[in-house]
């Protein structure tokens, strides 16, 4: 209900933005906002989560992977910077 995202993405230079139709994109975003105004609230609480392979791996990487990268750990910018040799996830978590 309270957030959304729309728009193209690419690993490209500034010229990529020149292909975006800002008016069309704005209309799409406005339509999504209107739909969300009438949406039911999502349930809350603890729920099991199953992450499949493929795109699930991308989601896991974005949520946790960056914190495990050498650049973050070396700069002590990660909560895992002092966890070398320690188990940081459940044994069921694997790659």
PDB file of N, CA and C in Angstrom:
ATOM      1  N   UNK A   1       0.797  -1.196   0.000  1.00  0.00           N
ATOM      2  CA  UNK A   1       0.000   0.000   0.000  1.00  0.00           C
ATOM      3  C   UNK A   1       0.840   1.261   0.000  1.00  0.00           C
ATOM      4  N   UNK A   2       1.997   1.216   0.619  1.00  0.00           N
ATOM      5  CA  UNK A   2       2.710   2.466   0.858  1.00  0.00           C
ATOM      6  C   UNK A   2       3.951   2.666   0.014  1.00  0.00           C
ATOM      7  N   UNK A   3       4.276   1.726  -0.838  1.00  0.00           N
ATOM      8  CA  UNK A   3       5.473   1.929  -1.654  1.00  0.00           C
ATOM      9  C   UNK A   3       5.293   1.274  -3.013  1.00  0.00           C
ATOM     10  N   UNK A   4       6.136   1.673  -3.920  1.00  0.00           N
ATOM     11  CA  UNK A   4       6.087   1.113  -5.258  1.00  0.00           C
ATOM     12  C   UNK A   4       7.308   1.520  -6.038  1.00  0.00           C
ATOM     13  N   UNK A   5       7.481   0.906  -7.160  1.00  0.00           N
ATOM     14  CA  UNK A   5       8.626   1.207  -8.015  1.00  0.00           C
ATOM     15  C   UNK A   5       8.246   0.892  -9.446  1.00  0.00           C
ATOM     16  N   UNK A   6       8.640   1.732 -10.325  1.00  0.00           N
ATOM     17  CA  UNK A   6       8.389   1.497 -11.739  1.00  0.00           C
ATOM     18  C   UNK A   6       9.509   2.161 -12.512  1.00  0.00           C
ATOM     19  N   UNK A   7       9.902   1.559 -13.574  1.00  0.00           N
ATOM     20  CA  UNK A   7      10.892   2.185 -14.426  1.00  0.00           C
ATOM     21  C   UNK A   7      11.862   1.173 -14.986  1.00  0.00           C
ATOM     22  N   UNK A   8      12.442   1.516 -16.080  1.00  0.00           N
ATOM     23  CA  UNK A   8      13.415   0.619 -16.690  1.00  0.00           C
ATOM     24  C   UNK A   8      14.741   0.676 -15.944  1.00  0.00           C
ATOM     25  N   UNK A   9      15.509  -0.337 -16.112  1.00  0.00           N
ATOM     26  CA  UNK A   9      16.842  -0.368 -15.528  1.00  0.00           C
ATOM     27  C   UNK A   9      17.813  -0.961 -16.526  1.00  0.00           C
ATOM     28  N   UNK A  10      19.024  -0.559 -16.448  1.00  0.00           N
ATOM     29  CA  UNK A  10      20.031  -1.087 -17.361  1.00  0.00           C
ATOM     30  C   UNK A  10      21.415  -0.729 -16.852  1.00  0.00           C
ATOM     31  N   UNK A  11      22.360  -1.534 -17.214  1.00  0.00           N
ATOM     32  CA  UNK A  11      23.752  -1.215 -16.959  1.00  0.00           C
ATOM     33  C   UNK A  11      24.208  -0.444 -18.191  1.00  0.00           C
ATOM     34  N   UNK A  12      24.001   0.868 -18.152  1.00  0.00           N
ATOM     35  CA  UNK A  12      24.232   1.697 -19.327  1.00  0.00           C
ATOM     36  C   UNK A  12      24.608   3.101 -18.884  1.00  0.00           C
ATOM     37  N   UNK A  13      24.951   3.901 -19.837  1.00  0.00           N
ATOM     38  CA  UNK A  13      25.309   5.278 -19.564  1.00  0.00           C
ATOM     39  C   UNK A  13      24.085   6.177 -19.511  1.00  0.00           C
ATOM     40  N   UNK A  14      24.339   7.465 -19.337  1.00  0.00           N
ATOM     41  CA  UNK A  14      23.276   8.457 -19.222  1.00  0.00           C
ATOM     42  C   UNK A  14      22.349   8.434 -20.431  1.00  0.00           C
ATOM     43  N   UNK A  15      22.872   8.059 -21.582  1.00  0.00           N
ATOM     44  CA  UNK A  15      22.059   8.059 -22.798  1.00  0.00           C
ATOM     45  C   UNK A  15      20.840   7.145 -22.672  1.00  0.00           C
ATOM     46  N   UNK A  16      20.918   6.169 -21.778  1.00  0.00           N
ATOM     47  CA  UNK A  16      19.776   5.275 -21.561  1.00  0.00           C
ATOM     48  C   UNK A  16      18.555   6.064 -21.103  1.00  0.00           C
ATOM     49  N   UNK A  17      18.763   7.081 -20.281  1.00  0.00           N
ATOM     50  CA  UNK A  17      17.643   7.871 -19.753  1.00  0.00           C
ATOM     51  C   UNK A  17      16.925   8.649 -20.851  1.00  0.00           C
ATOM     52  N   UNK A  18      17.601   8.898 -21.948  1.00  0.00           N
ATOM     53  CA  UNK A  18      16.989   9.640 -23.047  1.00  0.00           C
ATOM     54  C   UNK A  18      15.906   8.825 -23.747  1.00  0.00           C
ATOM     55  N   UNK A  19      15.890   7.507 -23.521  1.00  0.00           N
ATOM     56  CA  UNK A  19      14.893   6.628 -24.136  1.00  0.00           C
ATOM     57  C   UNK A  19      13.609   6.558 -23.309  1.00  0.00           C
ATOM     58  N   UNK A  20      13.620   7.125 -22.116  1.00  0.00           N
ATOM     59  CA  UNK A  20      12.480   7.020 -21.210  1.00  0.00           C
ATOM     60  C   UNK A  20      11.441   8.082 -21.550  1.00  0.00           C
ATOM     61  N   UNK A  21      10.202   7.655 -21.705  1.00  0.00           N
ATOM     62  CA  UNK A  21       9.089   8.576 -21.923  1.00  0.00           C
ATOM     63  C   UNK A  21       8.563   8.977 -20.546  1.00  0.00           C
ATOM     64  N   UNK A  22       8.981  10.136 -20.061  1.00  0.00           N
ATOM     65  CA  UNK A  22       8.656  10.568 -18.698  1.00  0.00           C
ATOM     66  C   UNK A  22       7.153  10.709 -18.483  1.00  0.00           C
ATOM     67  N   UNK A  23       6.431  11.186 -19.480  1.00  0.00           N
ATOM     68  CA  UNK A  23       4.980  11.354 -19.339  1.00  0.00           C
ATOM     69  C   UNK A  23       4.308   9.991 -19.177  1.00  0.00           C
ATOM     70  N   UNK A  24       4.667   9.044 -20.011  1.00  0.00           N
ATOM     71  CA  UNK A  24       4.091   7.694 -19.923  1.00  0.00           C
ATOM     72  C   UNK A  24       4.457   7.037 -18.592  1.00  0.00           C
ATOM     73  N   UNK A  25       5.703   7.192 -18.178  1.00  0.00           N
ATOM     74  CA  UNK A  25       6.148   6.620 -16.908  1.00  0.00           C
ATOM     75  C   UNK A  25       5.372   7.238 -15.745  1.00  0.00           C
ATOM     76  N   UNK A  26       5.173   8.543 -15.776  1.00  0.00           N
ATOM     77  CA  UNK A  26       4.408   9.225 -14.734  1.00  0.00           C
ATOM     78  C   UNK A  26       2.967   8.742 -14.671  1.00  0.00           C
ATOM     79  N   UNK A  27       2.359   8.516 -15.833  1.00  0.00           N
ATOM     80  CA  UNK A  27       0.980   8.021 -15.864  1.00  0.00           C
ATOM     81  C   UNK A  27       0.897   6.606 -15.289  1.00  0.00           C
ATOM     82  N   UNK A  28       1.869   5.775 -15.598  1.00  0.00           N
ATOM     83  CA  UNK A  28       1.903   4.412 -15.063  1.00  0.00           C
ATOM     84  C   UNK A  28       2.029   4.438 -13.546  1.00  0.00           C
ATOM     85  N   UNK A  29       2.912   5.282 -13.046  1.00  0.00           N
ATOM     86  CA  UNK A  29       3.120   5.386 -11.597  1.00  0.00           C
ATOM     87  C   UNK A  29       1.856   5.914 -10.914  1.00  0.00           C
ATOM     88  N   UNK A  30       1.218   6.916 -11.516  1.00  0.00           N
ATOM     89  CA  UNK A  30      -0.018   7.466 -10.941  1.00  0.00           C
ATOM     90  C   UNK A  30      -1.109   6.398 -10.892  1.00  0.00           C
ATOM     91  N   UNK A  31      -1.232   5.599 -11.939  1.00  0.00           N
ATOM     92  CA  UNK A  31      -2.231   4.528 -11.970  1.00  0.00           C
ATOM     93  C   UNK A  31      -1.958   3.510 -10.866  1.00  0.00           C
ATOM     94  N   UNK A  32      -0.697   3.151 -10.681  1.00  0.00           N
ATOM     95  CA  UNK A  32      -0.342   2.206  -9.612  1.00  0.00           C
ATOM     96  C   UNK A  32      -0.703   2.780  -8.245  1.00  0.00           C
ATOM     97  N   UNK A  33      -0.460   4.058  -8.047  1.00  0.00           N
ATOM     98  CA  UNK A  33      -0.773   4.692  -6.762  1.00  0.00           C
ATOM     99  C   UNK A  33      -2.273   4.649  -6.494  1.00  0.00           C
ATOM    100  N   UNK A  34      -3.077   4.907  -7.514  1.00  0.00           N
ATOM    101  CA  UNK A  34      -4.530   4.872  -7.342  1.00  0.00           C
ATOM    102  C   UNK A  34      -5.014   3.468  -7.000  1.00  0.00           C
ATOM    103  N   UNK A  35      -4.449   2.462  -7.642  1.00  0.00           N
ATOM    104  CA  UNK A  35      -4.820   1.073  -7.350  1.00  0.00           C
ATOM    105  C   UNK A  35      -4.450   0.726  -5.910  1.00  0.00           C
ATOM    106  N   UNK A  36      -3.276   1.167  -5.479  1.00  0.00           N
ATOM    107  CA  UNK A  36      -2.800   0.834  -4.131  1.00  0.00           C
ATOM    108  C   UNK A  36      -3.618   1.514  -3.038  1.00  0.00           C
ATOM    109  N   UNK A  37      -4.252   2.628  -3.357  1.00  0.00           N
ATOM    110  CA  UNK A  37      -5.077   3.304  -2.355  1.00  0.00           C
ATOM    111  C   UNK A  37      -6.187   2.396  -1.839  1.00  0.00           C
ATOM    112  N   UNK A  38      -6.707   1.532  -2.696  1.00  0.00           N
ATOM    113  CA  UNK A  38      -7.787   0.634  -2.302  1.00  0.00           C
ATOM    114  C   UNK A  38      -7.332  -0.763  -1.930  1.00  0.00           C
ATOM    115  N   UNK A  39      -6.038  -0.970  -1.849  1.00  0.00           N
ATOM    116  CA  UNK A  39      -5.519  -2.312  -1.563  1.00  0.00           C
ATOM    117  C   UNK A  39      -5.705  -2.680  -0.099  1.00  0.00           C
ATOM    118  N   UNK A  40      -5.924  -3.970   0.138  1.00  0.00           N
ATOM    119  CA  UNK A  40      -5.978  -4.475   1.512  1.00  0.00           C
ATOM    120  C   UNK A  40      -4.578  -4.444   2.108  1.00  0.00           C
ATOM    121  N   UNK A  41      -4.517  -4.265   3.405  1.00  0.00           N
ATOM    122  CA  UNK A  41      -3.223  -4.302   4.091  1.00  0.00           C
ATOM    123  C   UNK A  41      -2.671  -5.723   4.056  1.00  0.00           C
ATOM    124  N   UNK A  42      -1.365  -5.838   3.950  1.00  0.00           N
ATOM    125  CA  UNK A  42      -0.720  -7.150   3.975  1.00  0.00           C
ATOM    126  C   UNK A  42      -0.759  -7.703   5.393  1.00  0.00           C
ATOM    127  N   UNK A  43      -0.875  -9.018   5.521  1.00  0.00           N
ATOM    128  CA  UNK A  43      -0.848  -9.599   6.868  1.00  0.00           C
ATOM    129  C   UNK A  43       0.527  -9.402   7.498  1.00  0.00           C
ATOM    130  N   UNK A  44       0.562  -9.366   8.807  1.00  0.00           N
ATOM    131  CA  UNK A  44       1.831  -9.205   9.504  1.00  0.00           C
ATOM    132  C   UNK A  44       2.101 -10.432  10.357  1.00  0.00           C
ATOM    133  N   UNK A  45       3.290 -10.503  10.895  1.00  0.00           N
ATOM    134  CA  UNK A  45       3.659 -11.611  11.763  1.00  0.00           C
ATOM    135  C   UNK A  45       4.726 -12.482  11.135  1.00  0.00           C
ATOM    136  N   UNK A  46       5.124 -13.501  11.851  1.00  0.00           N
ATOM    137  CA  UNK A  46       6.136 -14.424  11.348  1.00  0.00           C
ATOM    138  C   UNK A  46       5.515 -15.376  10.341  1.00  0.00           C
ATOM    139  N   UNK A  47       6.253 -15.612   9.248  1.00  0.00           N
ATOM    140  CA  UNK A  47       5.793 -16.514   8.198  1.00  0.00           C
ATOM    141  C   UNK A  47       6.991 -17.255   7.636  1.00  0.00           C
ATOM    142  N   UNK A  48       6.776 -18.478   7.188  1.00  0.00           N
ATOM    143  CA  UNK A  48       7.890 -19.189   6.556  1.00  0.00           C
ATOM    144  C   UNK A  48       8.230 -18.526   5.216  1.00  0.00           C
ATOM    145  N   UNK A  49       9.488 -18.559   4.878  1.00  0.00           N
ATOM    146  CA  UNK A  49       9.940 -17.977   3.620  1.00  0.00           C
ATOM    147  C   UNK A  49      10.725 -19.031   2.856  1.00  0.00           C
ATOM    148  N   UNK A  50      10.370 -19.226   1.610  1.00  0.00           N
ATOM    149  CA  UNK A  50      11.103 -20.144   0.744  1.00  0.00           C
ATOM    150  C   UNK A  50      11.616 -19.325  -0.428  1.00  0.00           C
ATOM    151  N   UNK A  51      12.922 -19.337  -0.621  1.00  0.00           N
ATOM    152  CA  UNK A  51      13.526 -18.592  -1.723  1.00  0.00           C
ATOM    153  C   UNK A  51      13.985 -19.597  -2.760  1.00  0.00           C
ATOM    154  N   UNK A  52      13.418 -19.524  -3.948  1.00  0.00           N
ATOM    155  CA  UNK A  52      13.784 -20.434  -5.023  1.00  0.00           C
ATOM    156  C   UNK A  52      15.069 -19.999  -5.701  1.00  0.00           C
ATOM    157  N   UNK A  53      15.580 -20.885  -6.553  1.00  0.00           N
ATOM    158  CA  UNK A  53      16.789 -20.513  -7.297  1.00  0.00           C
ATOM    159  C   UNK A  53      16.424 -19.479  -8.362  1.00  0.00           C
ATOM    160  N   UNK A  54      17.361 -19.043  -9.112  1.00  0.00           N
ATOM    161  CA  UNK A  54      17.101 -18.020 -10.116  1.00  0.00           C
ATOM    162  C   UNK A  54      16.975 -16.661  -9.471  1.00  0.00           C
ATOM    163  N   UNK A  55      15.833 -16.016  -9.638  1.00  0.00           N
ATOM    164  CA  UNK A  55      15.655 -14.665  -9.114  1.00  0.00           C
ATOM    165  C   UNK A  55      15.712 -14.629  -7.594  1.00  0.00           C
ATOM    166  N   UNK A  56      15.369 -15.735  -6.949  1.00  0.00           N
ATOM    167  CA  UNK A  56      15.493 -15.807  -5.493  1.00  0.00           C
ATOM    168  C   UNK A  56      16.917 -15.551  -5.042  1.00  0.00           C
ATOM    169  N   UNK A  57      17.872 -15.999  -5.842  1.00  0.00           N
ATOM    170  CA  UNK A  57      19.280 -15.750  -5.543  1.00  0.00           C
ATOM    171  C   UNK A  57      19.614 -14.271  -5.597  1.00  0.00           C
ATOM    172  N   UNK A  58      19.011 -13.575  -6.534  1.00  0.00           N
ATOM    173  CA  UNK A  58      19.222 -12.128  -6.646  1.00  0.00           C
ATOM    174  C   UNK A  58      18.665 -11.430  -5.410  1.00  0.00           C
ATOM    175  N   UNK A  59      17.473 -11.832  -4.995  1.00  0.00           N
ATOM    176  CA  UNK A  59      16.860 -11.225  -3.813  1.00  0.00           C
ATOM    177  C   UNK A  59      17.736 -11.462  -2.586  1.00  0.00           C
ATOM    178  N   UNK A  60      18.213 -12.706  -2.420  1.00  0.00           N
ATOM    179  CA  UNK A  60      19.080 -13.007  -1.283  1.00  0.00           C
ATOM    180  C   UNK A  60      20.351 -12.164  -1.342  1.00  0.00           C
ATOM    181  N   UNK A  61      20.934 -12.053  -2.525  1.00  0.00           N
ATOM    182  CA  UNK A  61      22.165 -11.275  -2.665  1.00  0.00           C
ATOM    183  C   UNK A  61      21.940  -9.819  -2.271  1.00  0.00           C
ATOM    184  N   UNK A  62      20.852  -9.242  -2.742  1.00  0.00           N
ATOM    185  CA  UNK A  62      20.582  -7.839  -2.423  1.00  0.00           C
ATOM    186  C   UNK A  62      20.323  -7.654  -0.933  1.00  0.00           C
ATOM    187  N   UNK A  63      19.651  -8.616  -0.300  1.00  0.00           N
ATOM    188  CA  UNK A  63      19.327  -8.500   1.121  1.00  0.00           C
ATOM    189  C   UNK A  63      20.525  -8.785   2.015  1.00  0.00           C
ATOM    190  N   UNK A  64      21.358  -9.742   1.637  1.00  0.00           N
ATOM    191  CA  UNK A  64      22.447 -10.201   2.514  1.00  0.00           C
ATOM    192  C   UNK A  64      23.821 -10.189   1.861  1.00  0.00           C
ATOM    193  N   UNK A  65      23.865 -10.438   0.584  1.00  0.00           N
ATOM    194  CA  UNK A  65      25.133 -10.640  -0.106  1.00  0.00           C
ATOM    195  C   UNK A  65      26.091  -9.473  -0.053  1.00  0.00           C
ATOM    196  N   UNK A  66      25.577  -8.256  -0.215  1.00  0.00           N
ATOM    197  CA  UNK A  66      26.469  -7.090  -0.198  1.00  0.00           C
ATOM    198  C   UNK A  66      27.205  -6.975   1.134  1.00  0.00           C
ATOM    199  N   UNK A  67      26.545  -7.363   2.214  1.00  0.00           N
ATOM    200  CA  UNK A  67      27.186  -7.302   3.533  1.00  0.00           C
ATOM    201  C   UNK A  67      28.295  -8.336   3.682  1.00  0.00           C
ATOM    202  N   UNK A  68      28.296  -9.347   2.832  1.00  0.00           N
ATOM    203  CA  UNK A  68      29.310 -10.398   2.906  1.00  0.00           C
ATOM    204  C   UNK A  68      30.462 -10.167   1.931  1.00  0.00           C
ATOM    205  N   UNK A  69      30.375  -9.138   1.104  1.00  0.00           N
ATOM    206  CA  UNK A  69      31.417  -8.877   0.116  1.00  0.00           C
ATOM    207  C   UNK A  69      32.672  -8.323   0.787  1.00  0.00           C
ATOM    208  N   UNK A  70      33.812  -8.685   0.239  1.00  0.00           N
ATOM    209  CA  UNK A  70      35.103  -8.299   0.795  1.00  0.00           C
ATOM    210  C   UNK A  70      35.220  -6.797   1.000  1.00  0.00           C
ATOM    211  N   UNK A  71      34.731  -6.012   0.050  1.00  0.00           N
ATOM    212  CA  UNK A  71      34.873  -4.556   0.164  1.00  0.00           C
ATOM    213  C   UNK A  71      34.163  -4.020   1.403  1.00  0.00           C
ATOM    214  N   UNK A  72      32.985  -4.549   1.709  1.00  0.00           N
ATOM    215  CA  UNK A  72      32.257  -4.103   2.909  1.00  0.00           C
ATOM    216  C   UNK A  72      32.919  -4.598   4.181  1.00  0.00           C
ATOM    217  N   UNK A  73      33.346  -5.850   4.169  1.00  0.00           N
ATOM    218  CA  UNK A  73      33.959  -6.445   5.360  1.00  0.00           C
ATOM    219  C   UNK A  73      35.290  -5.764   5.667  1.00  0.00           C
ATOM    220  N   UNK A  74      36.116  -5.550   4.649  1.00  0.00           N
ATOM    221  CA  UNK A  74      37.434  -4.945   4.856  1.00  0.00           C
ATOM    222  C   UNK A  74      37.333  -3.524   5.414  1.00  0.00           C
ATOM    223  N   UNK A  75      36.311  -2.794   5.018  1.00  0.00           N
ATOM    224  CA  UNK A  75      36.123  -1.417   5.499  1.00  0.00           C
ATOM    225  C   UNK A  75      35.351  -1.368   6.820  1.00  0.00           C
ATOM    226  N   UNK A  76      35.037  -2.539   7.351  1.00  0.00           N
ATOM    227  CA  UNK A  76      34.225  -2.653   8.575  1.00  0.00           C
ATOM    228  C   UNK A  76      32.888  -1.934   8.415  1.00  0.00           C
ATOM    229  N   UNK A  77      32.378  -1.958   7.181  1.00  0.00           N
ATOM    230  CA  UNK A  77      31.084  -1.356   6.877  1.00  0.00           C
ATOM    231  C   UNK A  77      29.979  -2.406   6.928  1.00  0.00           C
ATOM    232  N   UNK A  78      30.316  -3.594   7.339  1.00  0.00           N
ATOM    233  CA  UNK A  78      29.371  -4.705   7.400  1.00  0.00           C
ATOM    234  C   UNK A  78      29.235  -5.202   8.833  1.00  0.00           C
ATOM    235  N   UNK A  79      28.032  -5.625   9.183  1.00  0.00           N
ATOM    236  CA  UNK A  79      27.834  -6.214  10.514  1.00  0.00           C
ATOM    237  C   UNK A  79      28.592  -7.530  10.651  1.00  0.00           C
ATOM    238  N   UNK A  80      29.076  -8.064   9.541  1.00  0.00           N
ATOM    239  CA  UNK A  80      29.809  -9.330   9.554  1.00  0.00           C
ATOM    240  C   UNK A  80      31.324  -9.149   9.603  1.00  0.00           C
ATOM    241  N   UNK A  81      31.813  -7.925   9.740  1.00  0.00           N
ATOM    242  CA  UNK A  81      33.254  -7.679   9.634  1.00  0.00           C
ATOM    243  C   UNK A  81      34.075  -8.426  10.683  1.00  0.00           C
ATOM    244  N   UNK A  82      33.487  -8.767  11.813  1.00  0.00           N
ATOM    245  CA  UNK A  82      34.245  -9.463  12.861  1.00  0.00           C
ATOM    246  C   UNK A  82      33.760 -10.900  13.081  1.00  0.00           C
ATOM    247  N   UNK A  83      33.160 -11.486  12.047  1.00  0.00           N
ATOM    248  CA  UNK A  83      32.576 -12.821  12.178  1.00  0.00           C
ATOM    249  C   UNK A  83      33.383 -13.915  11.483  1.00  0.00           C
ATOM    250  N   UNK A  84      34.604 -13.634  11.083  1.00  0.00           N
ATOM    251  CA  UNK A  84      35.419 -14.624  10.376  1.00  0.00           C
ATOM    252  C   UNK A  84      35.500 -15.915  11.192  1.00  0.00           C
ATOM    253  N   UNK A  85      35.171 -17.017  10.558  1.00  0.00           N
ATOM    254  CA  UNK A  85      35.226 -18.322  11.206  1.00  0.00           C
ATOM    255  C   UNK A  85      33.980 -18.693  11.985  1.00  0.00           C
ATOM    256  N   UNK A  86      33.028 -17.763  12.106  1.00  0.00           N
ATOM    257  CA  UNK A  86      31.795 -18.037  12.840  1.00  0.00           C
ATOM    258  C   UNK A  86      30.666 -18.392  11.876  1.00  0.00           C
ATOM    259  N   UNK A  87      29.748 -19.244  12.336  1.00  0.00           N
ATOM    260  CA  UNK A  87      28.567 -19.548  11.550  1.00  0.00           C
ATOM    261  C   UNK A  87      27.635 -18.341  11.629  1.00  0.00           C
ATOM    262  N   UNK A  88      27.211 -17.841  10.480  1.00  0.00           N
ATOM    263  CA  UNK A  88      26.367 -16.646  10.466  1.00  0.00           C
ATOM    264  C   UNK A  88      24.967 -16.929   9.933  1.00  0.00           C
ATOM    265  N   UNK A  89      24.699 -18.179   9.595  1.00  0.00           N
ATOM    266  CA  UNK A  89      23.376 -18.539   9.077  1.00  0.00           C
ATOM    267  C   UNK A  89      23.030 -19.947   9.532  1.00  0.00           C
ATOM    268  N   UNK A  90      21.790 -20.281   9.430  1.00  0.00           N
ATOM    269  CA  UNK A  90      21.318 -21.625   9.757  1.00  0.00           C
ATOM    270  C   UNK A  90      21.980 -22.622   8.808  1.00  0.00           C
ATOM    271  N   UNK A  91      22.180 -23.831   9.263  1.00  0.00           N
ATOM    272  CA  UNK A  91      22.827 -24.857   8.430  1.00  0.00           C
ATOM    273  C   UNK A  91      22.008 -25.183   7.186  1.00  0.00           C
ATOM    274  N   UNK A  92      20.718 -24.876   7.193  1.00  0.00           N
ATOM    275  CA  UNK A  92      19.878 -25.139   6.023  1.00  0.00           C
ATOM    276  C   UNK A  92      20.110 -24.121   4.909  1.00  0.00           C
ATOM    277  N   UNK A  93      20.770 -23.012   5.232  1.00  0.00           N
ATOM    278  CA  UNK A  93      21.046 -21.992   4.217  1.00  0.00           C
ATOM    279  C   UNK A  93      22.300 -22.402   3.464  1.00  0.00           C
ATOM    280  N   UNK A  94      22.165 -22.523   2.158  1.00  0.00           N
ATOM    281  CA  UNK A  94      23.319 -22.901   1.339  1.00  0.00           C
ATOM    282  C   UNK A  94      23.201 -22.244  -0.022  1.00  0.00           C
ATOM    283  N   UNK A  95      24.270 -22.345  -0.763  1.00  0.00           N
ATOM    284  CA  UNK A  95      24.262 -21.741  -2.095  1.00  0.00           C
ATOM    285  C   UNK A  95      24.448 -22.807  -3.143  1.00  0.00           C
TER     286      UNK A  95
END
